Amino acid sequence: MVTADYEESDHSEPEQKSNQLLSHSSAVGESQYQEIRKKFDSGSAGNGNKSHNNAEYPPTSGSQCNSDKSKKSSNCDVCGKAFKYDYIMRRHYRVHTGERPFSCKMCGKTFISASSLLKHTKTHSGVKPFCCTTCGKRFSYNSDLLKHTRSHTGEKPYHCATCGKVFGYSSSLLTHMRMHTGVKPYNCKTCGKTFKRNCHLTEHIRTHTGEELRT
């Protein structure tokens, strides 16, 4: 059974204002979701950059499909992972370069693929039907719930082919692999210094802005 994510309060006026804000946020999120959904279905999501779209979507015409299927599988020159089609490999390559060309109009968060952006925009609608039976945390997608349950079960299905270390999330494995490959996809626009993790770049930028560093 789906339950509400908030508790009732005796302070009716503040609650009413809060609910109005939530309602507006949900409406905006749902509106962007529908917009991105239409663009995604038509193969034109993103920032209108043709190269981004080419790397994101499969060929649609019969001649393009036949030509693409005749090509040999493509391999990532960083991690060696093989892909059936070149456009899928190019999309995967963003994992190593740090390129995130698709951004959410509501919160500004950026993503590697249009499908990831599409999934994210749905979170702004506020609908979270999937609930963790262990801790009660709610999720918009069942896949996110499945990932979350690993924090309770300790399951670590992703392993490094180089050193054998295991991880609970694919993103953690990809970050770890940079220790072996030496790839540093996050670049400081002020001084040019590069980093393996975005959080390290964020900390570094504070040395330029003067913002107090976290201790």
C-alpha atoms as a PDB file:
ATOM      1  CA  MET A   1       0.000   0.000   0.000  1.00  0.00           C
ATOM      2  CA  VAL A   2       1.330   3.440  -0.883  1.00  0.00           C
ATOM      3  CA  THR A   3       1.378   5.852   2.057  1.00  0.00           C
ATOM      4  CA  ALA A   4       1.953   9.602   2.248  1.00  0.00           C
ATOM      5  CA  ASP A   5       5.513  10.875   2.634  1.00  0.00           C
ATOM      6  CA  TYR A   6       4.549  13.522   5.202  1.00  0.00           C
ATOM      7  CA  GLU A   7       2.765  13.617   8.542  1.00  0.00           C
ATOM      8  CA  GLU A   8      -0.247  15.793   9.328  1.00  0.00           C
ATOM      9  CA  SER A   9       0.419  18.905  11.406  1.00  0.00           C
ATOM     10  CA  ASP A  10      -1.675  21.065  13.694  1.00  0.00           C
ATOM     11  CA  HIS A  11      -0.191  24.129  11.974  1.00  0.00           C
ATOM     12  CA  SER A  12      -2.633  24.171   9.075  1.00  0.00           C
ATOM     13  CA  GLU A  13      -1.521  27.447   7.458  1.00  0.00           C
ATOM     14  CA  PRO A  14       2.237  26.622   7.129  1.00  0.00           C
ATOM     15  CA  GLU A  15       1.282  23.128   5.983  1.00  0.00           C
ATOM     16  CA  GLN A  16      -1.052  24.540   3.350  1.00  0.00           C
ATOM     17  CA  LYS A  17       1.707  26.795   1.990  1.00  0.00           C
ATOM     18  CA  SER A  18       4.143  23.900   2.030  1.00  0.00           C
ATOM     19  CA  ASN A  19       1.690  21.705   0.155  1.00  0.00           C
ATOM     20  CA  GLN A  20       1.153  24.457  -2.409  1.00  0.00           C
ATOM     21  CA  LEU A  21       4.912  24.615  -3.015  1.00  0.00           C
ATOM     22  CA  LEU A  22       5.114  20.847  -3.299  1.00  0.00           C
ATOM     23  CA  SER A  23       2.190  20.854  -5.701  1.00  0.00           C
ATOM     24  CA  HIS A  24       3.867  23.501  -7.864  1.00  0.00           C
ATOM     25  CA  SER A  25       7.173  21.605  -7.796  1.00  0.00           C
ATOM     26  CA  SER A  26       5.412  18.393  -8.781  1.00  0.00           C
ATOM     27  CA  ALA A  27       3.595  20.126 -11.631  1.00  0.00           C
ATOM     28  CA  VAL A  28       6.825  21.610 -12.975  1.00  0.00           C
ATOM     29  CA  GLY A  29       8.599  18.269 -12.642  1.00  0.00           C
ATOM     30  CA  GLU A  30       5.800  16.423 -14.408  1.00  0.00           C
ATOM     31  CA  SER A  31       5.745  19.043 -17.163  1.00  0.00           C
ATOM     32  CA  GLN A  32       9.467  18.650 -17.841  1.00  0.00           C
ATOM     33  CA  TYR A  33       9.162  14.872 -17.681  1.00  0.00           C
ATOM     34  CA  GLN A  34       6.503  14.904 -20.402  1.00  0.00           C
ATOM     35  CA  GLU A  35       8.613  17.296 -22.493  1.00  0.00           C
ATOM     36  CA  ILE A  36      11.736  15.137 -22.211  1.00  0.00           C
ATOM     37  CA  ARG A  37       9.661  12.002 -22.813  1.00  0.00           C
ATOM     38  CA  LYS A  38       8.430  13.380 -26.153  1.00  0.00           C
ATOM     39  CA  LYS A  39      11.937  14.438 -27.186  1.00  0.00           C
ATOM     40  CA  PHE A  40      13.386  11.121 -26.069  1.00  0.00           C
ATOM     41  CA  ASP A  41      10.814   9.179 -28.083  1.00  0.00           C
ATOM     42  CA  SER A  42      11.574  11.273 -31.159  1.00  0.00           C
ATOM     43  CA  GLY A  43      15.346  11.024 -30.628  1.00  0.00           C
ATOM     44  CA  SER A  44      15.979  14.715 -30.001  1.00  0.00           C
ATOM     45  CA  ALA A  45      16.434  15.065 -26.246  1.00  0.00           C
ATOM     46  CA  GLY A  46      19.268  17.036 -24.722  1.00  0.00           C
ATOM     47  CA  ASN A  47      20.688  20.439 -25.533  1.00  0.00           C
ATOM     48  CA  GLY A  48      20.170  20.285 -29.284  1.00  0.00           C
ATOM     49  CA  ASN A  49      23.762  19.294 -29.998  1.00  0.00           C
ATOM     50  CA  LYS A  50      23.807  16.934 -32.963  1.00  0.00           C
ATOM     51  CA  SER A  51      26.900  15.076 -31.803  1.00  0.00           C
ATOM     52  CA  HIS A  52      25.243  14.396 -28.452  1.00  0.00           C
ATOM     53  CA  ASN A  53      22.182  12.959 -30.134  1.00  0.00           C
ATOM     54  CA  ASN A  54      24.240  10.806 -32.473  1.00  0.00           C
ATOM     55  CA  ALA A  55      25.995   9.282 -29.497  1.00  0.00           C
ATOM     56  CA  GLU A  56      22.737   8.784 -27.614  1.00  0.00           C
ATOM     57  CA  TYR A  57      20.308   7.303 -30.104  1.00  0.00           C
ATOM     58  CA  PRO A  58      20.482   4.297 -32.435  1.00  0.00           C
ATOM     59  CA  PRO A  59      20.137   4.792 -36.207  1.00  0.00           C
ATOM     60  CA  THR A  60      16.472   4.787 -37.233  1.00  0.00           C
ATOM     61  CA  SER A  61      16.399   4.240 -40.992  1.00  0.00           C
ATOM     62  CA  GLY A  62      16.611   0.769 -42.519  1.00  0.00           C
ATOM     63  CA  SER A  63      19.811   1.549 -44.414  1.00  0.00           C
ATOM     64  CA  GLN A  64      21.438   2.955 -41.309  1.00  0.00           C
ATOM     65  CA  CYS A  65      20.452  -0.079 -39.255  1.00  0.00           C
ATOM     66  CA  ASN A  66      21.756  -2.507 -41.865  1.00  0.00           C
ATOM     67  CA  SER A  67      24.992  -0.561 -42.146  1.00  0.00           C
ATOM     68  CA  ASP A  68      25.397  -0.388 -38.387  1.00  0.00           C
ATOM     69  CA  LYS A  69      24.700  -4.090 -37.891  1.00  0.00           C
ATOM     70  CA  SER A  70      27.386  -4.970 -40.398  1.00  0.00           C
ATOM     71  CA  LYS A  71      30.022  -3.198 -38.327  1.00  0.00           C
ATOM     72  CA  LYS A  72      32.196  -5.116 -35.924  1.00  0.00           C
ATOM     73  CA  SER A  73      31.659  -4.582 -32.214  1.00  0.00           C
ATOM     74  CA  SER A  74      33.334  -1.511 -30.742  1.00  0.00           C
ATOM     75  CA  ASN A  75      35.648  -1.652 -27.741  1.00  0.00           C
ATOM     76  CA  CYS A  76      36.290   1.098 -25.201  1.00  0.00           C
ATOM     77  CA  ASP A  77      39.979   2.007 -25.400  1.00  0.00           C
ATOM     78  CA  VAL A  78      39.993   2.893 -21.680  1.00  0.00           C
ATOM     79  CA  CYS A  79      38.454  -0.151 -19.985  1.00  0.00           C
ATOM     80  CA  GLY A  80      38.197  -2.581 -22.903  1.00  0.00           C
ATOM     81  CA  LYS A  81      34.459  -3.161 -22.543  1.00  0.00           C
ATOM     82  CA  ALA A  82      32.910  -4.359 -25.812  1.00  0.00           C
ATOM     83  CA  PHE A  83      29.742  -2.969 -27.385  1.00  0.00           C
ATOM     84  CA  LYS A  84      27.644  -4.246 -30.268  1.00  0.00           C
ATOM     85  CA  TYR A  85      27.255  -0.808 -31.830  1.00  0.00           C
ATOM     86  CA  ASP A  86      29.561   2.179 -32.037  1.00  0.00           C
ATOM     87  CA  TYR A  87      26.951   4.692 -30.820  1.00  0.00           C
ATOM     88  CA  ILE A  88      26.564   2.712 -27.569  1.00  0.00           C
ATOM     89  CA  MET A  89      30.332   2.738 -27.055  1.00  0.00           C
ATOM     90  CA  ARG A  90      30.439   6.526 -27.587  1.00  0.00           C
ATOM     91  CA  ARG A  91      27.717   6.975 -24.984  1.00  0.00           C
ATOM     92  CA  HIS A  92      29.619   4.717 -22.563  1.00  0.00           C
ATOM     93  CA  TYR A  93      32.823   6.704 -23.130  1.00  0.00           C
ATOM     94  CA  ARG A  94      31.285   9.636 -21.259  1.00  0.00           C
ATOM     95  CA  VAL A  95      31.763   7.594 -18.080  1.00  0.00           C
ATOM     96  CA  HIS A  96      35.502   8.047 -18.523  1.00  0.00           C
ATOM     97  CA  THR A  97      35.564  11.607 -19.904  1.00  0.00           C
ATOM     98  CA  GLY A  98      33.110  13.015 -17.386  1.00  0.00           C
ATOM     99  CA  GLU A  99      30.974  14.583 -20.126  1.00  0.00           C
ATOM    100  CA  ARG A 100      27.386  15.099 -18.942  1.00  0.00           C
ATOM    101  CA  PRO A 101      25.562  16.957 -21.750  1.00  0.00           C
ATOM    102  CA  PHE A 102      21.996  16.476 -20.506  1.00  0.00           C
ATOM    103  CA  SER A 103      20.798  18.802 -17.728  1.00  0.00           C
ATOM    104  CA  CYS A 104      17.612  19.052 -15.670  1.00  0.00           C
ATOM    105  CA  LYS A 105      15.864  22.407 -16.157  1.00  0.00           C
ATOM    106  CA  MET A 106      14.421  22.254 -12.660  1.00  0.00           C
ATOM    107  CA  CYS A 107      17.485  21.556 -10.483  1.00  0.00           C
ATOM    108  CA  GLY A 108      20.439  21.814 -12.867  1.00  0.00           C
ATOM    109  CA  LYS A 109      21.708  18.284 -12.252  1.00  0.00           C
ATOM    110  CA  THR A 110      23.530  16.855 -15.269  1.00  0.00           C
ATOM    111  CA  PHE A 111      23.546  13.372 -16.784  1.00  0.00           C
ATOM    112  CA  ILE A 112      25.495  11.209 -19.215  1.00  0.00           C
ATOM    113  CA  SER A 113      22.446  10.078 -21.179  1.00  0.00           C
ATOM    114  CA  ALA A 114      18.989  11.331 -22.118  1.00  0.00           C
ATOM    115  CA  SER A 115      17.459   8.213 -20.585  1.00  0.00           C
ATOM    116  CA  SER A 116      19.072   9.049 -17.225  1.00  0.00           C
ATOM    117  CA  LEU A 117      17.713  12.602 -17.430  1.00  0.00           C
ATOM    118  CA  LEU A 118      14.277  11.244 -18.289  1.00  0.00           C
ATOM    119  CA  LYS A 119      14.383   9.002 -15.240  1.00  0.00           C
ATOM    120  CA  HIS A 120      15.564  11.854 -13.007  1.00  0.00           C
ATOM    121  CA  THR A 121      12.861  14.340 -14.050  1.00  0.00           C
ATOM    122  CA  LYS A 122      10.223  11.897 -12.844  1.00  0.00           C
ATOM    123  CA  THR A 123      11.571  12.328  -9.294  1.00  0.00           C
ATOM    124  CA  HIS A 124      10.368  15.940  -9.328  1.00  0.00           C
ATOM    125  CA  SER A 125       6.776  14.748  -9.656  1.00  0.00           C
ATOM    126  CA  GLY A 126       6.998  13.482  -6.078  1.00  0.00           C
ATOM    127  CA  VAL A 127       5.619  10.014  -6.835  1.00  0.00           C
ATOM    128  CA  LYS A 128       7.516   7.332  -4.904  1.00  0.00           C
ATOM    129  CA  PRO A 129       5.535   4.083  -4.989  1.00  0.00           C
ATOM    130  CA  PHE A 130       8.397   1.716  -4.117  1.00  0.00           C
ATOM    131  CA  CYS A 131       9.086   1.289  -0.410  1.00  0.00           C
ATOM    132  CA  CYS A 132      11.953  -0.469   1.385  1.00  0.00           C
ATOM    133  CA  THR A 133      10.464  -3.007   3.775  1.00  0.00           C
ATOM    134  CA  THR A 134      13.520  -2.729   6.039  1.00  0.00           C
ATOM    135  CA  CYS A 135      13.806   1.017   6.667  1.00  0.00           C
ATOM    136  CA  GLY A 136      10.748   2.510   4.989  1.00  0.00           C
ATOM    137  CA  LYS A 137      12.638   4.722   2.545  1.00  0.00           C
ATOM    138  CA  ARG A 138      10.680   5.370  -0.630  1.00  0.00           C
ATOM    139  CA  PHE A 139      11.796   5.435  -4.276  1.00  0.00           C
ATOM    140  CA  SER A 140      10.388   6.520  -7.624  1.00  0.00           C
ATOM    141  CA  TYR A 141      11.740   3.443  -9.409  1.00  0.00           C
ATOM    142  CA  ASN A 142      12.004  -0.220  -8.509  1.00  0.00           C
ATOM    143  CA  SER A 143      15.587  -0.311  -9.828  1.00  0.00           C
ATOM    144  CA  ASP A 144      16.568   2.331  -7.251  1.00  0.00           C
ATOM    145  CA  LEU A 145      14.901   0.307  -4.509  1.00  0.00           C
ATOM    146  CA  LEU A 146      16.845  -2.798  -5.559  1.00  0.00           C
ATOM    147  CA  LYS A 147      20.115  -0.851  -5.403  1.00  0.00           C
ATOM    148  CA  HIS A 148      19.181   0.541  -1.996  1.00  0.00           C
ATOM    149  CA  THR A 149      18.462  -2.894  -0.517  1.00  0.00           C
ATOM    150  CA  ARG A 150      22.150  -3.734  -0.979  1.00  0.00           C
ATOM    151  CA  SER A 151      22.909  -1.303   1.836  1.00  0.00           C
ATOM    152  CA  HIS A 152      20.984  -3.694   4.100  1.00  0.00           C
ATOM    153  CA  THR A 153      22.028  -7.033   2.603  1.00  0.00           C
ATOM    154  CA  GLY A 154      25.680  -6.178   1.962  1.00  0.00           C
ATOM    155  CA  GLU A 155      25.478  -7.635  -1.548  1.00  0.00           C
ATOM    156  CA  LYS A 156      28.351  -6.528  -3.812  1.00  0.00           C
ATOM    157  CA  PRO A 157      27.731  -7.855  -7.339  1.00  0.00           C
ATOM    158  CA  TYR A 158      30.295  -5.700  -9.167  1.00  0.00           C
ATOM    159  CA  HIS A 159      33.937  -6.766  -9.147  1.00  0.00           C
ATOM    160  CA  CYS A 160      37.109  -5.257 -10.581  1.00  0.00           C
ATOM    161  CA  ALA A 161      38.654  -7.501 -13.226  1.00  0.00           C
ATOM    162  CA  THR A 162      42.101  -6.089 -12.422  1.00  0.00           C
ATOM    163  CA  CYS A 163      42.373  -6.506  -8.652  1.00  0.00           C
ATOM    164  CA  GLY A 164      39.237  -8.427  -7.707  1.00  0.00           C
ATOM    165  CA  LYS A 165      37.809  -5.803  -5.347  1.00  0.00           C
ATOM    166  CA  VAL A 166      34.003  -5.935  -5.125  1.00  0.00           C
ATOM    167  CA  PHE A 167      31.436  -3.126  -4.986  1.00  0.00           C
ATOM    168  CA  GLY A 168      27.750  -2.724  -4.327  1.00  0.00           C
ATOM    169  CA  TYR A 169      27.227  -0.214  -7.120  1.00  0.00           C
ATOM    170  CA  SER A 170      28.446  -0.001 -10.712  1.00  0.00           C
ATOM    171  CA  SER A 171      29.278   3.689 -10.229  1.00  0.00           C
ATOM    172  CA  SER A 172      31.635   2.771  -7.380  1.00  0.00           C
ATOM    173  CA  LEU A 173      33.363   0.227  -9.612  1.00  0.00           C
ATOM    174  CA  LEU A 174      33.797   2.800 -12.403  1.00  0.00           C
ATOM    175  CA  THR A 175      35.302   5.286  -9.946  1.00  0.00           C
ATOM    176  CA  HIS A 176      37.639   2.585  -8.614  1.00  0.00           C
ATOM    177  CA  MET A 177      38.779   1.618 -12.123  1.00  0.00           C
ATOM    178  CA  ARG A 178      40.299   5.076 -12.549  1.00  0.00           C
ATOM    179  CA  MET A 179      42.940   4.022 -10.014  1.00  0.00           C
ATOM    180  CA  HIS A 180      44.112   1.440 -12.537  1.00  0.00           C
ATOM    181  CA  THR A 181      43.604   3.446 -15.743  1.00  0.00           C
ATOM    182  CA  GLY A 182      44.843   6.790 -14.419  1.00  0.00           C
ATOM    183  CA  VAL A 183      41.921   8.599 -16.068  1.00  0.00           C
ATOM    184  CA  LYS A 184      41.088  11.956 -14.458  1.00  0.00           C
ATOM    185  CA  PRO A 185      37.920  13.219 -16.167  1.00  0.00           C
ATOM    186  CA  TYR A 186      37.174  16.154 -13.863  1.00  0.00           C
ATOM    187  CA  ASN A 187      38.999  19.337 -14.831  1.00  0.00           C
ATOM    188  CA  CYS A 188      39.367  22.657 -12.964  1.00  0.00           C
ATOM    189  CA  LYS A 189      38.506  25.473 -15.378  1.00  0.00           C
ATOM    190  CA  THR A 190      40.588  27.935 -13.356  1.00  0.00           C
ATOM    191  CA  CYS A 191      43.973  26.215 -13.191  1.00  0.00           C
ATOM    192  CA  GLY A 192      43.554  23.109 -15.358  1.00  0.00           C
ATOM    193  CA  LYS A 193      44.253  20.593 -12.597  1.00  0.00           C
ATOM    194  CA  THR A 194      42.477  17.266 -13.115  1.00  0.00           C
ATOM    195  CA  PHE A 195      40.856  14.863 -10.665  1.00  0.00           C
ATOM    196  CA  LYS A 196      39.548  11.312 -10.640  1.00  0.00           C
ATOM    197  CA  ARG A 197      36.448  12.185  -8.627  1.00  0.00           C
ATOM    198  CA  ASN A 198      34.034  15.091  -8.894  1.00  0.00           C
ATOM    199  CA  CYS A 199      33.952  15.554  -5.114  1.00  0.00           C
ATOM    200  CA  HIS A 200      37.720  16.151  -5.148  1.00  0.00           C
ATOM    201  CA  LEU A 201      37.288  18.788  -7.853  1.00  0.00           C
ATOM    202  CA  THR A 202      34.572  20.468  -5.782  1.00  0.00           C
ATOM    203  CA  GLU A 203      36.892  20.641  -2.774  1.00  0.00           C
ATOM    204  CA  HIS A 204      39.706  21.982  -4.949  1.00  0.00           C
ATOM    205  CA  ILE A 205      37.558  24.757  -6.464  1.00  0.00           C
ATOM    206  CA  ARG A 206      37.096  26.172  -2.970  1.00  0.00           C
ATOM    207  CA  THR A 207      40.808  27.000  -2.906  1.00  0.00           C
ATOM    208  CA  HIS A 208      40.110  29.445  -5.739  1.00  0.00           C
ATOM    209  CA  THR A 209      36.800  30.845  -4.502  1.00  0.00           C
ATOM    210  CA  GLY A 210      37.892  31.226  -0.882  1.00  0.00           C
ATOM    211  CA  GLU A 211      34.922  29.229   0.346  1.00  0.00           C
ATOM    212  CA  GLU A 212      35.610  27.562   3.674  1.00  0.00           C
ATOM    213  CA  LEU A 213      36.807  23.982   3.232  1.00  0.00           C
ATOM    214  CA  ARG A 214      35.022  21.146   4.980  1.00  0.00           C
ATOM    215  CA  THR A 215      36.930  19.582   7.857  1.00  0.00           C
END
